[in-house]
Protein backbone atom coordinates (compact mmCIF):
# COMPACT_ATOMS: atom_id res chain seq x y z
CA MET A 1 106.22 139.63 161.52
CA ARG A 2 101.89 139.18 161.72
CA GLU A 3 101.73 135.48 161.98
CA PRO A 4 103.93 134.74 164.66
CA ALA A 5 102.42 138.14 166.07
CA ASP A 6 99.37 136.26 165.89
CA ARG A 7 100.43 133.17 166.76
CA LEU A 8 101.90 134.53 170.52
CA SER A 9 99.12 137.15 170.61
CA ARG A 10 96.66 134.21 170.96
CA ILE A 11 99.04 131.97 173.14
CA ILE A 12 99.28 135.28 175.88
CA GLY A 13 95.74 136.35 175.08
CA TYR A 14 96.65 140.32 174.03
CA ARG A 15 96.62 141.63 170.75
CA PHE A 16 99.77 143.87 169.87
CA THR A 17 99.04 147.14 168.08
CA ASP A 18 102.55 147.78 166.96
CA PRO A 19 104.38 144.16 165.87
CA SER A 20 107.43 145.95 165.45
CA LEU A 21 107.81 146.37 169.16
CA LEU A 22 107.19 143.04 169.79
CA GLU A 23 109.70 141.84 167.39
CA GLN A 24 112.45 144.21 169.21
CA ALA A 25 111.50 143.11 172.83
CA LEU A 26 112.05 139.30 171.43
CA THR A 27 115.17 140.16 169.36
CA HIS A 28 118.37 139.28 171.97
CA ARG A 29 121.67 140.76 171.66
CA SER A 30 122.92 138.39 169.85
CA ALA A 31 121.25 139.06 166.54
CA GLY A 32 122.61 142.38 165.75
CA PRO A 33 123.26 145.97 166.62
CA VAL A 34 119.93 146.21 168.59
CA ASN A 35 120.64 146.93 172.33
CA ASN A 36 117.60 146.54 174.60
CA GLU A 37 119.34 146.57 178.07
CA ARG A 38 117.59 150.23 178.92
CA GLN A 39 114.38 148.46 178.18
CA GLU A 40 115.05 145.30 180.12
CA PHE A 41 115.91 147.64 183.47
CA LEU A 42 113.02 149.35 182.96
CA GLY A 43 110.71 145.95 182.49
CA ASP A 44 112.24 144.89 185.12
CA ALA A 45 111.40 147.53 187.01
CA ILE A 46 107.91 147.45 186.10
CA LEU A 47 107.13 143.71 186.53
CA GLY A 48 108.20 143.96 189.46
CA PHE A 49 105.75 146.69 190.88
CA ILE A 50 103.46 144.37 189.14
CA VAL A 51 104.08 141.50 190.91
CA ALA A 52 104.22 143.51 194.20
CA ASP A 53 100.65 145.49 193.82
CA ALA A 54 99.13 142.44 193.07
CA LEU A 55 100.18 140.45 196.57
CA TYR A 56 99.65 143.43 198.13
CA ARG A 57 96.29 143.20 196.85
CA ARG A 58 95.64 139.47 197.15
CA PHE A 59 96.99 139.11 200.90
CA PRO A 60 96.13 142.78 202.51
CA ASP A 61 97.39 140.49 206.04
CA ALA A 62 100.54 139.71 204.73
CA SER A 63 104.05 141.18 206.61
CA GLU A 64 106.08 143.60 204.24
CA GLY A 65 108.61 140.26 204.70
CA ASP A 66 106.28 137.55 203.56
CA LEU A 67 105.17 139.74 200.67
CA SER A 68 108.92 140.98 199.49
CA ARG A 69 109.98 136.53 199.56
CA LEU A 70 106.61 135.83 197.51
CA ARG A 71 107.86 139.06 194.98
CA ALA A 72 111.08 137.10 194.70
CA ARG A 73 110.43 133.86 194.24
CA LEU A 74 107.84 135.10 191.85
CA VAL A 75 110.08 137.43 189.71
CA LYS A 76 113.56 135.45 189.99
CA LYS A 77 114.83 133.92 186.77
CA GLU A 78 113.95 130.36 187.34
CA SER A 79 110.11 130.75 188.06
CA LEU A 80 110.22 133.54 184.78
CA ALA A 81 111.85 131.26 182.59
CA ARG A 82 109.86 128.21 183.74
CA LEU A 83 106.67 130.57 182.54
CA ALA A 84 108.22 131.60 179.13
CA ARG A 85 108.73 127.91 178.38
CA ASP A 86 104.85 126.91 179.21
CA LEU A 87 104.27 129.39 176.76
CA GLY A 88 106.68 127.92 174.22
CA LEU A 89 108.19 132.08 173.76
CA GLY A 90 111.85 130.38 172.83
CA ASP A 91 109.96 129.35 170.04
CA PHE A 92 109.68 133.16 169.04
CA LEU A 93 113.31 134.42 170.26
CA HIS A 94 115.25 136.33 167.66
CA LEU A 95 118.81 135.15 168.09
CA GLY A 96 121.77 135.11 167.11
CA ALA A 97 123.64 132.19 164.81
CA GLY A 98 126.24 131.40 168.33
CA GLU A 99 123.14 131.67 170.60
CA LEU A 100 121.18 128.96 168.39
CA ARG A 101 124.07 126.85 167.99
CA SER A 102 124.73 126.71 171.69
CA GLY A 103 121.09 126.38 172.58
CA GLY A 104 120.03 130.11 174.11
CA GLN A 105 116.07 129.59 172.96
CA SER A 106 116.06 127.27 175.84
CA ARG A 107 118.09 128.84 178.52
CA ASP A 108 116.83 130.39 181.79
CA SER A 109 119.46 133.51 181.25
CA ILE A 110 117.44 134.50 177.48
CA LEU A 111 114.10 133.28 178.35
CA ALA A 112 113.41 135.15 181.97
């Protein structure tokens, strides 16, 4: 896992101290018995908070409604999938055989 982790680290500009956590994060439920849905729930909440905080600081005069709409646009499935594609994250995903055959590595719902 070290070489793919090193490649991904270069792409996103972040060095993972524990590559096994990265491997777990990139493993889809179709690839085995691991279920990351609880981590996904927490990650979605953290991402929403980080985006909300960044927007709040960047646009100090924006209304709550404007900030909410901006945040929703940034964290929606299509936006996150586009970013994942731009970073080439589909190449790093661990998918089950069925998901691979059906093109799961390029599906918005998996990339996001």
